[in-house]
């Protein structure tokens, strides 16, 4: 996956300017109900997308922090015949399901989205997998494991995913997401499975059992979390030594709260996140979607959170952290040293197997 292989040009293509100007001039003020994850991530979206859009158009934007699964919420609204969400931040695997169920709009990316500054069409400017039938990515983020550096000697700090499963040399509680996703992958990698073989292995009964057997080795030392704000708090309180987390949450705690955390980039499971449009809402949100996914806006978001932009043309525009002024590049999941042993989450695999493996995972937890 090539994230930074293009030098972005600073001048905006005339076509892009005129298209945006026409869109904005014809825009009637309205209220947009935009659903996202909350926390530092929603804040980064509000600063990079919403504030300049509100200034430009006068729209009112209602930011809704979703409770639970966005796909389930969208299904419930659709079944009730009262879809109040106008734009929803959703993972690609859920977007595939929502698209198949007719809950969200198909998107013609080259017609709906802005070209890159040099005129490259969106279909050629987003990272691999960034554009789905009903999905447009905004960020590349990672599921990582972090640790509290104060809980280990300076000369014996953990550095690999294998260390997370090593209770003898790295004692302490672990906090892990209460889902099979990521945990199954990390268990197999820590047990010696090559990254290229992880998902093929998980399609077999042998592979699934091998993952659970590896998780058994630390199960008694695990605190299971369900909300993204929990891992950094558990680490800060030293209730756990290690915690799986979204890399942006840990970055925020390290940089803005001065927490003594370190990220283990080894075996990071990276994935995309982005927008879907509920059925019937495209006309209402298409101007905002055009604006919020252009090259500059995605680069601007990286000033507020350590997620890589999903457009190739945005990568070279990533600058410094808005609050502290530090260089954001080393904190990006896609920064070359961080990316060396990365595993891309297989959305097709999880779309096919999530229900089955979740049932087995819950049964395993109850044992």
Protein backbone atom coordinates (compact mmCIF):
# COMPACT_ATOMS: atom_id res chain seq x y z
CA UNK A 1 0.00 0.00 0.00
CA UNK A 2 1.66 3.21 -1.13
CA UNK A 3 0.72 6.14 1.02
CA UNK A 4 3.34 8.82 0.32
CA UNK A 5 4.53 8.18 -3.22
CA UNK A 6 3.28 11.41 -4.72
CA UNK A 7 4.42 15.02 -4.38
CA UNK A 8 1.32 17.16 -3.91
CA UNK A 9 1.17 20.41 -5.84
CA UNK A 10 0.26 23.55 -3.99
CA UNK A 11 -1.94 25.15 -6.62
CA UNK A 12 -5.53 23.94 -6.80
CA UNK A 13 -6.79 22.90 -10.19
CA UNK A 14 -9.10 25.45 -11.78
CA UNK A 15 -11.71 22.76 -12.29
CA UNK A 16 -11.74 21.98 -8.58
CA UNK A 17 -12.08 25.65 -7.61
CA UNK A 18 -14.90 26.37 -10.00
CA UNK A 19 -16.77 23.20 -9.06
CA UNK A 20 -16.56 24.03 -5.37
CA UNK A 21 -17.52 27.65 -5.99
CA UNK A 22 -20.61 26.60 -7.93
CA UNK A 23 -21.55 24.07 -5.26
CA UNK A 24 -21.24 26.57 -2.43
CA UNK A 25 -22.97 29.44 -4.24
CA UNK A 26 -25.99 27.23 -4.95
CA UNK A 27 -26.02 25.85 -1.41
CA UNK A 28 -29.04 26.53 0.81
CA UNK A 29 -28.35 26.72 4.55
CA UNK A 30 -29.41 23.61 6.42
CA UNK A 31 -28.77 21.44 9.45
CA UNK A 32 -26.63 18.34 8.99
CA UNK A 33 -26.75 15.47 11.48
CA UNK A 34 -23.29 13.91 11.25
CA UNK A 35 -22.55 10.71 13.17
CA UNK A 36 -19.06 9.71 14.26
CA UNK A 37 -17.02 8.03 17.00
CA UNK A 38 -16.69 10.85 19.53
CA UNK A 39 -13.59 11.80 21.51
CA UNK A 40 -10.41 13.08 19.92
CA UNK A 41 -11.44 11.73 16.53
CA UNK A 42 -14.71 13.66 16.29
CA UNK A 43 -12.85 16.73 17.52
CA UNK A 44 -10.37 16.38 14.65
CA UNK A 45 -13.22 16.14 12.15
CA UNK A 46 -14.94 19.17 13.63
CA UNK A 47 -11.80 21.29 13.45
CA UNK A 48 -10.73 20.20 9.96
CA UNK A 49 -14.09 19.83 8.20
CA UNK A 50 -16.95 21.37 10.14
CA UNK A 51 -15.59 24.73 11.21
CA UNK A 52 -14.46 25.82 7.73
CA UNK A 53 -17.69 24.47 6.23
CA UNK A 54 -19.84 26.37 8.72
CA UNK A 55 -17.85 29.54 8.01
CA UNK A 56 -18.26 29.05 4.27
CA UNK A 57 -21.96 28.12 4.16
CA UNK A 58 -23.64 29.06 7.42
CA UNK A 59 -24.89 25.50 7.86
CA UNK A 60 -25.55 24.15 11.33
CA UNK A 61 -23.79 20.88 12.03
CA UNK A 62 -24.99 18.58 14.79
CA UNK A 63 -22.22 16.16 15.76
CA UNK A 64 -23.67 12.92 17.09
CA UNK A 65 -21.45 10.54 19.04
CA UNK A 66 -22.91 7.19 18.19
CA UNK A 67 -23.66 4.71 20.91
CA UNK A 68 -22.75 1.19 19.84
CA UNK A 69 -22.57 -0.09 16.29
CA UNK A 70 -23.40 2.39 13.52
CA UNK A 71 -24.70 -0.37 11.25
CA UNK A 72 -27.15 -1.51 13.91
CA UNK A 73 -28.26 2.06 14.50
CA UNK A 74 -28.83 2.66 10.81
CA UNK A 75 -30.79 -0.58 10.50
CA UNK A 76 -33.04 0.40 13.40
CA UNK A 77 -33.76 3.85 11.95
CA UNK A 78 -34.46 2.38 8.53
CA UNK A 79 -36.83 -0.25 9.93
CA UNK A 80 -38.64 2.45 11.88
CA UNK A 81 -38.97 4.53 8.72
CA UNK A 82 -37.30 7.51 10.39
CA UNK A 83 -33.68 7.97 9.31
CA UNK A 84 -32.44 11.09 11.10
CA UNK A 85 -28.73 10.60 10.37
CA UNK A 86 -27.50 12.48 7.29
CA UNK A 87 -23.88 11.29 7.11
CA UNK A 88 -22.30 8.42 9.04
CA UNK A 89 -18.70 7.55 9.82
CA UNK A 90 -18.44 3.79 9.35
CA UNK A 91 -15.87 1.03 8.94
CA UNK A 92 -15.49 -0.53 5.48
CA UNK A 93 -16.68 -4.00 6.53
CA UNK A 94 -19.90 -2.56 7.97
CA UNK A 95 -20.26 -0.34 4.89
CA UNK A 96 -20.17 -3.42 2.64
CA UNK A 97 -23.03 -4.97 4.61
CA UNK A 98 -25.02 -1.73 4.73
CA UNK A 99 -24.54 -1.30 0.98
CA UNK A 100 -25.77 -4.84 0.28
CA UNK A 101 -28.82 -4.23 2.47
CA UNK A 102 -29.68 -0.99 0.66
CA UNK A 103 -29.22 1.12 3.79
CA UNK A 104 -26.74 3.52 2.19
CA UNK A 105 -26.30 5.24 -1.16
CA UNK A 106 -24.08 3.97 -4.00
CA UNK A 107 -21.45 6.64 -4.75
CA UNK A 108 -20.00 7.71 -8.10
CA UNK A 109 -16.68 8.90 -6.69
CA UNK A 110 -15.33 10.73 -9.72
CA UNK A 111 -18.59 12.62 -10.06
CA UNK A 112 -19.19 13.39 -6.38
CA UNK A 113 -15.69 14.03 -4.99
CA UNK A 114 -13.04 16.67 -5.65
CA UNK A 115 -10.06 16.00 -7.88
CA UNK A 116 -6.57 16.22 -6.42
CA UNK A 117 -4.81 19.59 -6.81
CA UNK A 118 -3.00 18.35 -9.92
CA UNK A 119 -6.25 17.17 -11.52
CA UNK A 120 -5.91 13.49 -10.63
CA UNK A 121 -9.43 12.03 -10.30
CA UNK A 122 -10.53 10.64 -6.94
CA UNK A 123 -10.54 7.08 -8.28
CA UNK A 124 -6.76 7.35 -8.68
CA UNK A 125 -5.98 9.50 -5.63
CA UNK A 126 -7.30 7.45 -2.73
CA UNK A 127 -5.27 4.70 -1.08
CA UNK A 128 -5.94 1.12 -2.07
CA UNK A 129 -9.38 0.08 -0.84
CA UNK A 130 -10.30 3.66 0.02
CA UNK A 131 -13.30 3.82 -2.28
CA UNK A 132 -16.06 1.23 -2.04
CA UNK A 133 -19.36 1.00 -3.85
CA UNK A 134 -21.02 3.00 -1.04
CA UNK A 135 -17.97 4.18 0.93
CA UNK A 136 -15.33 6.91 0.81
CA UNK A 137 -12.37 6.72 3.19
CA UNK A 138 -11.05 9.70 5.09
CA UNK A 139 -8.29 8.23 7.26
CA UNK A 140 -5.89 5.35 7.72
CA UNK A 141 -5.72 4.39 11.39
CA UNK A 142 -4.28 1.58 13.40
CA UNK A 143 -5.22 -0.78 16.13
CA UNK A 144 -2.09 -1.02 18.24
CA UNK A 145 -0.95 -2.15 21.65
CA UNK A 146 0.52 0.49 23.95
CA UNK A 147 2.16 0.19 27.34
CA UNK A 148 2.87 2.36 30.35
CA UNK A 149 6.65 2.81 30.28
CA UNK A 150 6.77 3.48 34.04
CA UNK A 151 5.71 -0.10 34.71
CA UNK A 152 8.84 -1.65 33.17
CA UNK A 153 12.57 -1.12 33.77
CA UNK A 154 14.22 1.30 31.36
CA UNK A 155 16.45 -1.46 29.99
CA UNK A 156 13.59 -3.95 29.53
CA UNK A 157 10.82 -2.15 27.69
CA UNK A 158 8.52 -4.31 25.52
CA UNK A 159 8.71 -3.83 21.75
CA UNK A 160 6.92 -6.69 19.94
CA UNK A 161 3.48 -8.25 19.84
CA UNK A 162 5.06 -11.41 21.26
CA UNK A 163 5.92 -9.43 24.41
CA UNK A 164 2.23 -8.77 24.99
CA UNK A 165 1.71 -12.53 25.38
CA UNK A 166 4.84 -12.98 27.57
CA UNK A 167 3.61 -12.83 31.16
CA UNK A 168 6.90 -14.07 32.60
CA UNK A 169 9.12 -11.30 31.27
CA UNK A 170 6.42 -8.62 31.03
CA UNK A 171 4.00 -9.13 33.92
CA UNK A 172 0.86 -7.11 34.49
CA UNK A 173 -2.72 -6.90 33.35
CA UNK A 174 -3.61 -6.46 29.68
CA UNK A 175 -6.62 -4.49 28.39
CA UNK A 176 -8.03 -5.85 25.13
CA UNK A 177 -11.08 -4.98 23.05
CA UNK A 178 -13.99 -7.31 23.80
CA UNK A 179 -14.19 -8.54 20.22
CA UNK A 180 -12.41 -11.20 18.17
CA UNK A 181 -11.15 -8.60 15.65
CA UNK A 182 -7.45 -7.82 16.13
CA UNK A 183 -7.12 -10.23 19.05
CA UNK A 184 -7.32 -13.25 16.76
CA UNK A 185 -4.76 -11.79 14.36
CA UNK A 186 -2.33 -10.82 17.13
CA UNK A 187 -2.63 -14.22 18.78
CA UNK A 188 -1.63 -16.01 15.58
CA UNK A 189 1.25 -13.63 14.84
CA UNK A 190 2.52 -13.97 18.42
CA UNK A 191 2.30 -17.74 17.95
CA UNK A 192 4.58 -17.61 14.91
CA UNK A 193 2.16 -17.38 11.98
CA UNK A 194 3.46 -15.26 9.11
CA UNK A 195 1.44 -12.09 8.56
CA UNK A 196 0.68 -13.06 4.98
CA UNK A 197 -0.96 -16.27 6.21
CA UNK A 198 -3.07 -14.92 9.08
CA UNK A 199 -6.43 -14.67 7.35
CA UNK A 200 -6.03 -17.92 5.43
CA UNK A 201 -5.28 -19.57 8.78
CA UNK A 202 -8.35 -18.01 10.40
CA UNK A 203 -10.54 -19.55 7.70
CA UNK A 204 -9.67 -22.98 9.11
CA UNK A 205 -10.80 -24.64 12.31
CA UNK A 206 -7.15 -25.31 13.15
CA UNK A 207 -6.32 -21.61 12.86
CA UNK A 208 -9.25 -20.45 14.96
CA UNK A 209 -8.43 -22.94 17.68
CA UNK A 210 -4.76 -21.96 17.56
CA UNK A 211 -5.72 -18.32 18.11
CA UNK A 212 -7.94 -19.16 21.08
CA UNK A 213 -5.22 -21.40 22.56
CA UNK A 214 -2.78 -18.48 22.41
CA UNK A 215 -5.31 -16.10 23.95
CA UNK A 216 -5.82 -18.68 26.72
CA UNK A 217 -2.23 -18.02 27.84
CA UNK A 218 -3.12 -14.46 28.94
CA UNK A 219 -6.88 -14.71 29.46
CA UNK A 220 -6.68 -14.57 33.27
CA UNK A 221 -4.72 -11.30 33.06
CA UNK A 222 -7.04 -9.50 30.64
CA UNK A 223 -9.45 -6.65 31.34
CA UNK A 224 -11.86 -6.40 28.41
CA UNK A 225 -12.77 -2.91 27.19
CA UNK A 226 -15.63 -1.76 24.97
CA UNK A 227 -15.29 2.03 24.62
CA UNK A 228 -12.30 3.77 23.03
CA UNK A 229 -11.74 6.08 26.01
CA UNK A 230 -11.09 3.16 28.37
CA UNK A 231 -7.61 1.95 27.32
CA UNK A 232 -5.71 5.23 27.94
CA UNK A 233 -7.47 5.64 31.28
CA UNK A 234 -6.61 2.09 32.36
CA UNK A 235 -2.98 2.69 31.38
CA UNK A 236 -2.83 6.06 33.15
CA UNK A 237 -4.24 4.54 36.34
CA UNK A 238 -1.75 1.65 36.01
CA UNK A 239 -4.60 -0.82 36.25
CA UNK A 240 -3.01 -2.47 33.22
CA UNK A 241 0.52 -2.55 31.82
CA UNK A 242 -0.56 -3.06 28.21
CA UNK A 243 -3.67 -1.97 26.36
CA UNK A 244 -4.87 -2.40 22.82
CA UNK A 245 -6.20 0.89 21.50
CA UNK A 246 -6.74 3.13 18.51
CA UNK A 247 -3.43 4.83 17.84
CA UNK A 248 -5.02 8.29 17.84
CA UNK A 249 -6.31 7.85 21.38
CA UNK A 250 -2.85 6.94 22.64
CA UNK A 251 -1.23 9.80 20.71
CA UNK A 252 -3.66 12.25 22.29
CA UNK A 253 -2.86 10.96 25.78
CA UNK A 254 0.90 11.05 25.14
CA UNK A 255 1.06 14.48 23.55
CA UNK A 256 -1.70 16.55 25.10
CA UNK A 257 -1.88 14.85 28.52
CA UNK A 258 1.84 13.99 28.84
CA UNK A 259 1.15 10.38 29.74
CA UNK A 260 4.18 8.01 29.87
CA UNK A 261 2.86 5.73 27.14
CA UNK A 262 4.71 4.06 24.28
CA UNK A 263 3.20 2.44 21.20
CA UNK A 264 4.23 -1.01 20.02
CA UNK A 265 3.96 -0.53 16.26
CA UNK A 266 4.89 -4.15 15.62
CA UNK A 267 1.94 -5.98 14.04
CA UNK A 268 -0.27 -2.91 14.01
CA UNK A 269 -3.56 -3.82 12.31
CA UNK A 270 -4.33 -0.88 10.10
CA UNK A 271 -7.60 -0.12 8.43
CA UNK A 272 -9.58 2.61 6.80
CA UNK A 273 -12.44 4.62 8.16
CA UNK A 274 -14.74 6.95 6.30
CA UNK A 275 -18.15 8.11 5.24
CA UNK A 276 -21.39 6.49 4.11
CA UNK A 277 -24.58 8.30 3.10
CA UNK A 278 -27.89 6.88 4.37
CA UNK A 279 -30.35 6.14 1.58
CA UNK A 280 -32.22 9.26 0.52
CA UNK A 281 -29.71 11.70 2.00
CA UNK A 282 -27.28 12.18 -0.88
CA UNK A 283 -28.71 15.44 -2.21
CA UNK A 284 -28.58 16.91 1.28
CA UNK A 285 -24.95 16.05 2.06
CA UNK A 286 -23.16 15.90 -1.29
CA UNK A 287 -21.73 19.43 -1.05
CA UNK A 288 -20.35 18.78 2.42
CA UNK A 289 -18.99 15.38 1.35
CA UNK A 290 -17.21 17.00 -1.61
CA UNK A 291 -15.61 19.56 0.69
CA UNK A 292 -14.75 17.29 3.64
CA UNK A 293 -12.93 14.71 1.51
CA UNK A 294 -10.80 17.04 -0.60
CA UNK A 295 -7.00 17.00 -0.43
CA UNK A 296 -6.56 19.94 1.92
CA UNK A 297 -9.23 18.92 4.41
CA UNK A 298 -7.79 15.42 4.86
CA UNK A 299 -4.31 16.86 5.33
CA UNK A 300 -5.69 19.38 7.84
CA UNK A 301 -7.20 16.63 9.97
CA UNK A 302 -3.72 15.26 10.64
CA UNK A 303 -2.97 18.47 12.58
CA UNK A 304 -5.31 17.25 15.30
CA UNK A 305 -4.92 13.47 15.42
CA UNK A 306 -2.31 10.95 14.33
CA UNK A 307 -4.30 9.24 11.58
CA UNK A 308 -2.95 9.22 8.04
CA UNK A 309 -5.04 10.87 5.32
CA UNK A 310 -6.70 8.50 2.86
CA UNK A 311 -5.77 10.59 -0.20
CA UNK A 312 -2.32 10.22 -1.72
CA UNK A 313 -2.24 13.90 -2.57
CA UNK A 314 -2.79 14.80 1.11
CA UNK A 315 0.23 12.96 2.48
CA UNK A 316 2.84 15.54 1.54
CA UNK A 317 0.72 18.29 3.09
CA UNK A 318 0.75 16.74 6.57
CA UNK A 319 2.42 19.27 8.85
CA UNK A 320 2.58 19.88 12.58
CA UNK A 321 0.27 19.31 15.53
CA UNK A 322 -2.06 22.28 15.97
CA UNK A 323 -1.67 22.45 19.75
CA UNK A 324 1.95 21.49 20.42
CA UNK A 325 3.65 22.19 17.09
CA UNK A 326 5.37 18.80 16.94
CA UNK A 327 6.00 17.13 13.60
CA UNK A 328 3.11 14.76 12.96
CA UNK A 329 4.88 12.55 10.41
CA UNK A 330 6.58 10.16 12.91
CA UNK A 331 3.24 9.59 14.61
CA UNK A 332 1.41 8.45 11.49
CA UNK A 333 0.64 4.73 11.21
CA UNK A 334 1.91 4.93 7.64
CA UNK A 335 5.30 6.40 8.62
CA UNK A 336 7.78 3.90 7.15
CA UNK A 337 9.39 2.64 10.42
CA UNK A 338 5.95 2.22 12.00
CA UNK A 339 4.59 0.45 8.95
CA UNK A 340 7.32 -2.17 8.54
CA UNK A 341 5.38 -5.07 10.09
CA UNK A 342 1.85 -3.77 9.62
CA UNK A 343 -1.08 -6.04 8.81
CA UNK A 344 -4.01 -4.69 6.80
CA UNK A 345 -7.34 -5.69 8.26
CA UNK A 346 -9.15 -7.91 5.78
CA UNK A 347 -12.60 -6.34 5.56
CA UNK A 348 -13.98 -9.07 3.30
CA UNK A 349 -12.89 -11.71 5.80
CA UNK A 350 -14.59 -9.93 8.69
CA UNK A 351 -17.71 -9.21 6.66
CA UNK A 352 -17.99 -12.97 6.08
CA UNK A 353 -16.89 -14.33 9.47
CA UNK A 354 -17.60 -11.64 12.07
CA UNK A 355 -20.91 -13.07 13.29
CA UNK A 356 -19.57 -16.61 13.57
CA UNK A 357 -16.32 -15.64 15.29
CA UNK A 358 -18.07 -13.22 17.62
CA UNK A 359 -20.34 -16.04 18.82
CA UNK A 360 -17.34 -18.29 19.39
CA UNK A 361 -15.41 -15.48 21.07
CA UNK A 362 -18.26 -14.77 23.48
CA UNK A 363 -18.60 -18.47 24.25
CA UNK A 364 -14.84 -18.62 24.91
CA UNK A 365 -15.07 -15.63 27.26
CA UNK A 366 -17.83 -17.36 29.21
CA UNK A 367 -15.81 -20.53 29.75
